[in-house]
C-alpha atoms as a PDB file:
ATOM      1  CA  MET A   1      -5.007 -10.934 -11.221  1.00  0.00           C
ATOM      2  CA  ASP A   2      -4.459 -10.732 -14.967  1.00  0.00           C
ATOM      3  CA  GLU A   3      -5.299 -13.860 -16.987  1.00  0.00           C
ATOM      4  CA  ILE A   4      -1.884 -13.757 -18.660  1.00  0.00           C
ATOM      5  CA  VAL A   5      -0.276 -13.906 -15.207  1.00  0.00           C
ATOM      6  CA  LYS A   6      -2.402 -16.903 -14.210  1.00  0.00           C
ATOM      7  CA  ALA A   7      -1.426 -18.682 -17.436  1.00  0.00           C
ATOM      8  CA  ALA A   8       2.288 -18.008 -16.822  1.00  0.00           C
ATOM      9  CA  MET A   9       2.006 -19.385 -13.288  1.00  0.00           C
ATOM     10  CA  LEU A  10       0.574 -22.637 -14.680  1.00  0.00           C
ATOM     11  CA  LYS A  11       3.206 -22.884 -17.405  1.00  0.00           C
ATOM     12  CA  TRP A  12       6.176 -22.191 -15.068  1.00  0.00           C
ATOM     13  CA  PRO A  13       5.115 -23.199 -11.551  1.00  0.00           C
ATOM     14  CA  ASN A  14       8.585 -23.344  -9.950  1.00  0.00           C
ATOM     15  CA  VAL A  15      10.054 -19.908 -10.621  1.00  0.00           C
ATOM     16  CA  PRO A  16      11.895 -18.638  -7.505  1.00  0.00           C
ATOM     17  CA  ASN A  17      10.585 -15.627  -5.630  1.00  0.00           C
ATOM     18  CA  CYS A  18      12.380 -12.301  -5.856  1.00  0.00           C
ATOM     19  CA  TYR A  19      13.194 -10.094  -2.836  1.00  0.00           C
ATOM     20  CA  GLY A  20      14.421  -6.521  -2.494  1.00  0.00           C
ATOM     21  CA  TRP A  21      13.934  -5.412  -6.090  1.00  0.00           C
ATOM     22  CA  LEU A  22      10.674  -3.479  -5.685  1.00  0.00           C
ATOM     23  CA  ALA A  23       9.565  -0.985  -3.048  1.00  0.00           C
ATOM     24  CA  LEU A  24       6.543   1.196  -2.213  1.00  0.00           C
ATOM     25  CA  ASP A  25       7.108   4.586  -0.598  1.00  0.00           C
ATOM     26  CA  ALA A  26       4.859   6.710   1.617  1.00  0.00           C
ATOM     27  CA  ARG A  27       3.466   8.600  -1.396  1.00  0.00           C
ATOM     28  CA  GLY A  28       2.360   5.462  -3.221  1.00  0.00           C
ATOM     29  CA  ASP A  29       5.248   5.502  -5.694  1.00  0.00           C
ATOM     30  CA  TRP A  30       6.950   2.298  -6.852  1.00  0.00           C
ATOM     31  CA  TYR A  31      10.737   2.005  -7.033  1.00  0.00           C
ATOM     32  CA  LEU A  32      12.934  -0.559  -8.766  1.00  0.00           C
ATOM     33  CA  ARG A  33      15.975  -1.428  -6.646  1.00  0.00           C
ATOM     34  CA  ASP A  34      18.650  -3.160  -8.690  1.00  0.00           C
ATOM     35  CA  ALA A  35      21.671  -4.852  -7.095  1.00  0.00           C
ATOM     36  CA  PRO A  36      23.865  -1.684  -6.956  1.00  0.00           C
ATOM     37  CA  THR A  37      20.992   0.272  -5.364  1.00  0.00           C
ATOM     38  CA  GLN A  38      20.433  -2.451  -2.768  1.00  0.00           C
ATOM     39  CA  ALA A  39      24.179  -2.491  -2.014  1.00  0.00           C
ATOM     40  CA  ALA A  40      24.176   1.329  -1.608  1.00  0.00           C
ATOM     41  CA  GLY A  41      21.770   1.219   1.328  1.00  0.00           C
ATOM     42  CA  PRO A  42      18.341   0.310   2.690  1.00  0.00           C
ATOM     43  CA  PHE A  43      14.987   1.537   1.482  1.00  0.00           C
ATOM     44  CA  PRO A  44      13.787   4.306   1.836  1.00  0.00           C
ATOM     45  CA  GLN A  45      17.155   6.018   2.460  1.00  0.00           C
ATOM     46  CA  ILE A  46      18.243   4.816  -0.979  1.00  0.00           C
ATOM     47  CA  LYS A  47      15.079   4.561  -3.053  1.00  0.00           C
ATOM     48  CA  GLY A  48      16.180   3.390  -6.477  1.00  0.00           C
ATOM     49  CA  SER A  49      14.557   4.159  -9.831  1.00  0.00           C
ATOM     50  CA  LEU A  50      11.066   5.638  -9.781  1.00  0.00           C
ATOM     51  CA  ILE A  51       8.659   3.674 -11.982  1.00  0.00           C
ATOM     52  CA  GLU A  52       6.915   6.226 -14.176  1.00  0.00           C
ATOM     53  CA  HIS A  53       5.556   4.087 -17.014  1.00  0.00           C
ATOM     54  CA  GLU A  54       1.771   4.241 -16.548  1.00  0.00           C
ATOM     55  CA  LYS A  55       0.969   0.877 -18.142  1.00  0.00           C
ATOM     56  CA  PHE A  56       3.614  -0.867 -16.038  1.00  0.00           C
ATOM     57  CA  LYS A  57       2.260   0.763 -12.873  1.00  0.00           C
ATOM     58  CA  ALA A  58      -1.275  -0.316 -13.827  1.00  0.00           C
ATOM     59  CA  PHE A  59       0.011  -3.885 -14.308  1.00  0.00           C
ATOM     60  CA  ILE A  60       1.602  -3.822 -10.849  1.00  0.00           C
ATOM     61  CA  HIS A  61      -1.615  -2.432  -9.336  1.00  0.00           C
ATOM     62  CA  ARG A  62      -3.750  -5.217 -10.825  1.00  0.00           C
ATOM     63  CA  ASN A  63      -1.368  -7.904  -9.569  1.00  0.00           C
ATOM     64  CA  TYR A  64      -0.518  -6.512  -6.108  1.00  0.00           C
ATOM     65  CA  LEU A  65      -1.385  -9.031  -3.381  1.00  0.00           C
ATOM     66  CA  ALA A  66      -0.373 -10.330   0.040  1.00  0.00           C
ATOM     67  CA  ASP A  67       0.580 -13.852   1.013  1.00  0.00           C
ATOM     68  CA  GLU A  68      -0.483 -15.732   4.153  1.00  0.00           C
ATOM     69  CA  ARG A  69       2.341 -14.065   6.170  1.00  0.00           C
ATOM     70  CA  GLY A  70       1.136 -10.587   5.249  1.00  0.00           C
ATOM     71  CA  ALA A  71       4.108 -10.075   2.927  1.00  0.00           C
ATOM     72  CA  TRP A  72       3.034  -8.010  -0.084  1.00  0.00           C
ATOM     73  CA  PHE A  73       4.177  -8.868  -3.585  1.00  0.00           C
ATOM     74  CA  PHE A  74       3.657  -8.131  -7.255  1.00  0.00           C
ATOM     75  CA  GLN A  75       2.845 -11.283  -9.215  1.00  0.00           C
ATOM     76  CA  ASN A  76       4.982 -10.757 -12.320  1.00  0.00           C
ATOM     77  CA  GLY A  77       4.013 -13.645 -14.532  1.00  0.00           C
ATOM     78  CA  PRO A  78       5.161 -16.796 -12.750  1.00  0.00           C
ATOM     79  CA  GLN A  79       7.380 -14.902 -10.292  1.00  0.00           C
ATOM     80  CA  ARG A  80       6.419 -13.258  -7.001  1.00  0.00           C
ATOM     81  CA  VAL A  81       8.350 -10.052  -6.543  1.00  0.00           C
ATOM     82  CA  TYR A  82       8.172  -9.292  -2.820  1.00  0.00           C
ATOM     83  CA  LEU A  83       8.418  -5.650  -1.978  1.00  0.00           C
ATOM     84  CA  GLN A  84       9.627  -3.440   0.778  1.00  0.00           C
ATOM     85  CA  LEU A  85       7.130  -1.046   2.324  1.00  0.00           C
ATOM     86  CA  GLU A  86       8.198   2.324   3.641  1.00  0.00           C
ATOM     87  CA  LEU A  87       5.169   2.551   5.931  1.00  0.00           C
ATOM     88  CA  ALA A  88       2.127   0.411   5.090  1.00  0.00           C
ATOM     89  CA  PRO A  89       0.801  -1.880   2.332  1.00  0.00           C
ATOM     90  CA  LEU A  90      -1.648   0.739   1.086  1.00  0.00           C
ATOM     91  CA  VAL A  91      -1.180   4.455   0.523  1.00  0.00           C
ATOM     92  CA  LEU A  92      -4.512   6.222   0.765  1.00  0.00           C
ATOM     93  CA  GLY A  93      -5.934   9.229  -0.966  1.00  0.00           C
ATOM     94  CA  VAL A  94      -8.816  11.008   0.770  1.00  0.00           C
ATOM     95  CA  ARG A  95     -11.282  13.266  -1.006  1.00  0.00           C
ATOM     96  CA  ARG A  96     -14.422  15.088   0.088  1.00  0.00           C
ATOM     97  CA  LEU A  97     -17.369  14.168  -2.109  1.00  0.00           C
ATOM     98  CA  SER A  98     -19.576  16.832  -3.627  1.00  0.00           C
ATOM     99  CA  ASP A  99     -23.305  16.813  -2.871  1.00  0.00           C
ATOM    100  CA  SER A 100     -24.013  15.494  -6.373  1.00  0.00           C
ATOM    101  CA  GLU A 101     -21.680  12.471  -6.101  1.00  0.00           C
ATOM    102  CA  PRO A 102     -22.796   9.059  -4.867  1.00  0.00           C
ATOM    103  CA  ASP A 103     -21.699   8.439  -1.291  1.00  0.00           C
ATOM    104  CA  PRO A 104     -21.507   4.646  -0.759  1.00  0.00           C
ATOM    105  CA  HIS A 105     -20.357   4.977   2.863  1.00  0.00           C
ATOM    106  CA  GLY A 106     -22.650   7.878   3.773  1.00  0.00           C
ATOM    107  CA  ASN A 107     -19.946  10.029   5.334  1.00  0.00           C
ATOM    108  CA  GLY A 108     -19.096  12.554   2.628  1.00  0.00           C
ATOM    109  CA  PHE A 109     -15.574  11.236   1.962  1.00  0.00           C
ATOM    110  CA  GLU A 110     -13.971   8.836  -0.501  1.00  0.00           C
ATOM    111  CA  VAL A 111     -10.879   6.821   0.428  1.00  0.00           C
ATOM    112  CA  GLN A 112      -8.949   5.156  -2.366  1.00  0.00           C
ATOM    113  CA  ALA A 113      -5.701   3.158  -2.421  1.00  0.00           C
ATOM    114  CA  HIS A 114      -2.667   4.095  -4.501  1.00  0.00           C
ATOM    115  CA  THR A 115      -3.714   1.228  -6.799  1.00  0.00           C
ATOM    116  CA  GLY A 116      -6.981   3.004  -7.633  1.00  0.00           C
ATOM    117  CA  GLN A 117      -8.929   0.434  -5.588  1.00  0.00           C
ATOM    118  CA  ASP A 118     -11.853   1.537  -3.427  1.00  0.00           C
ATOM    119  CA  VAL A 119     -10.834   0.322   0.021  1.00  0.00           C
ATOM    120  CA  GLY A 120     -14.366   0.011   1.385  1.00  0.00           C
ATOM    121  CA  ALA A 121     -15.425   1.296   4.768  1.00  0.00           C
ATOM    122  CA  VAL A 122     -12.927   2.741   7.219  1.00  0.00           C
ATOM    123  CA  GLN A 123     -13.048   0.685  10.405  1.00  0.00           C
ATOM    124  CA  SER A 124     -10.702   2.769  12.586  1.00  0.00           C
ATOM    125  CA  CYS A 125      -8.026   5.431  12.423  1.00  0.00           C
ATOM    126  CA  TRP A 126      -4.595   5.474  14.017  1.00  0.00           C
ATOM    127  CA  LEU A 127      -1.899   8.052  14.672  1.00  0.00           C
ATOM    128  CA  ASP A 128       1.772   7.157  15.078  1.00  0.00           C
ATOM    129  CA  GLU A 129       4.423   9.049  17.041  1.00  0.00           C
ATOM    130  CA  HIS A 130       5.421  10.934  13.866  1.00  0.00           C
ATOM    131  CA  GLY A 131       1.915  12.338  13.352  1.00  0.00           C
ATOM    132  CA  ARG A 132       1.124  10.086  10.381  1.00  0.00           C
ATOM    133  CA  LEU A 133      -2.509   9.063  10.010  1.00  0.00           C
ATOM    134  CA  TYR A 134      -3.395   5.455   9.155  1.00  0.00           C
ATOM    135  CA  LEU A 135      -6.795   4.057   8.299  1.00  0.00           C
ATOM    136  CA  LEU A 136      -7.779   0.453   8.830  1.00  0.00           C
ATOM    137  CA  THR A 137     -10.106  -0.313   5.939  1.00  0.00           C
ATOM    138  CA  GLU A 138     -11.880  -3.351   4.549  1.00  0.00           C
ATOM    139  CA  ALA A 139      -8.904  -3.720   2.153  1.00  0.00           C
ATOM    140  CA  GLY A 140      -6.293  -3.462   4.918  1.00  0.00           C
ATOM    141  CA  LEU A 141      -4.156  -0.836   6.597  1.00  0.00           C
ATOM    142  CA  GLY A 142      -3.053   2.242   4.729  1.00  0.00           C
ATOM    143  CA  VAL A 143      -1.244   5.473   5.467  1.00  0.00           C
ATOM    144  CA  VAL A 144      -2.897   8.699   4.335  1.00  0.00           C
ATOM    145  CA  ARG A 145      -0.802  10.532   1.739  1.00  0.00           C
ATOM    146  CA  SER A 146       0.708  13.740   3.078  1.00  0.00           C
ATOM    147  CA  MET A 147      -0.993  15.733   0.294  1.00  0.00           C
ATOM    148  CA  ASP A 148      -4.408  14.554   1.551  1.00  0.00           C
ATOM    149  CA  MET A 149      -3.883  15.230   5.256  1.00  0.00           C
ATOM    150  CA  ALA A 150      -5.907  18.467   5.283  1.00  0.00           C
ATOM    151  CA  THR A 151      -8.954  16.646   3.904  1.00  0.00           C
ATOM    152  CA  ALA A 152      -8.369  13.693   6.245  1.00  0.00           C
ATOM    153  CA  ALA A 153      -8.086  16.133   9.170  1.00  0.00           C
ATOM    154  CA  ASP A 154     -11.535  17.480   8.243  1.00  0.00           C
ATOM    155  CA  ALA A 155     -12.937  13.929   8.323  1.00  0.00           C
ATOM    156  CA  VAL A 156     -11.314  13.315  11.725  1.00  0.00           C
ATOM    157  CA  ALA A 157     -12.632  16.631  13.075  1.00  0.00           C
ATOM    158  CA  GLU A 158     -16.118  15.720  11.848  1.00  0.00           C
ATOM    159  CA  GLY A 159     -15.909  12.354  13.632  1.00  0.00           C
ATOM    160  CA  VAL A 160     -16.301  10.392  10.399  1.00  0.00           C
ATOM    161  CA  TRP A 161     -13.844   7.627  11.404  1.00  0.00           C
ATOM    162  CA  GLY A 162     -13.992   7.981  15.173  1.00  0.00           C
ATOM    163  CA  GLU A 163     -11.270   9.270  17.444  1.00  0.00           C
ATOM    164  CA  PRO A 164      -7.726   8.427  16.240  1.00  0.00           C
ATOM    165  CA  GLN A 165      -6.005   5.870  18.448  1.00  0.00           C
ATOM    166  CA  GLU A 166      -2.309   6.249  19.188  1.00  0.00           C
ATOM    167  CA  ILE A 167       0.119   3.506  18.241  1.00  0.00           C
ATOM    168  CA  ALA A 168       3.896   3.244  17.919  1.00  0.00           C
ATOM    169  CA  PHE A 169       5.005   2.825  14.315  1.00  0.00           C
ATOM    170  CA  ALA A 170       7.130  -0.205  15.246  1.00  0.00           C
ATOM    171  CA  GLU A 171       4.032  -2.008  16.566  1.00  0.00           C
ATOM    172  CA  MET A 172       1.954  -1.621  13.405  1.00  0.00           C
ATOM    173  CA  PRO A 173       3.146  -4.617  11.340  1.00  0.00           C
ATOM    174  CA  ALA A 174       2.421  -7.110  14.127  1.00  0.00           C
ATOM    175  CA  ARG A 175      -0.845  -5.405  15.085  1.00  0.00           C
ATOM    176  CA  PHE A 176      -2.196  -5.266  11.529  1.00  0.00           C
ATOM    177  CA  GLY A 177      -0.592  -8.388  10.058  1.00  0.00           C
ATOM    178  CA  PHE A 178       1.828  -7.149   7.407  1.00  0.00           C
ATOM    179  CA  VAL A 179       5.540  -7.501   6.721  1.00  0.00           C
ATOM    180  CA  ARG A 180       7.515  -4.369   5.817  1.00  0.00           C
ATOM    181  CA  GLU A 181      10.671  -6.148   4.607  1.00  0.00           C
ATOM    182  CA  PRO A 182       9.898  -9.703   3.492  1.00  0.00           C
ATOM    183  CA  ALA A 183      12.682 -12.263   3.412  1.00  0.00           C
ATOM    184  CA  PRO A 184      12.739 -15.801   2.038  1.00  0.00           C
ATOM    185  CA  VAL A 185      11.204 -18.390   4.346  1.00  0.00           C
END
């Protein structure tokens, strides 16, 4: 978390949390959802405004966390902005490493979150009824980006992450401890 964010939290400790104004889609893109957008319909049917400003996205990435309920938020200064998740808290990119690159996990593949974070070792892989591939990593559960599915399929075929286990999409939040649409408690 940024030092400026920590300082703001100390200066203004009682700022109310914000819900419904930020969302993460299946590609790892962030969307702002103002009041008219929220009134127009649920996420992801009505997405909102794509956040394209690179420095703002980097700020969100550095301050993206989960609370004790498994509800993910962006700590924006003193305010927690809880977000809606289209699929999972992390969106994962998968890349085959070249022979000359360091291979910290010894399997020939790199898995990285949409935040740029190395997610550590993959502990298991899961397939939902829609054919989407999820990886349970040291950093949490993430869905593999559609653009990286060919590379991920190679890793699955090579047995890098074990045999994919089937799971219904609706069961994932409870199974892996995250909240897709947080609400005030």
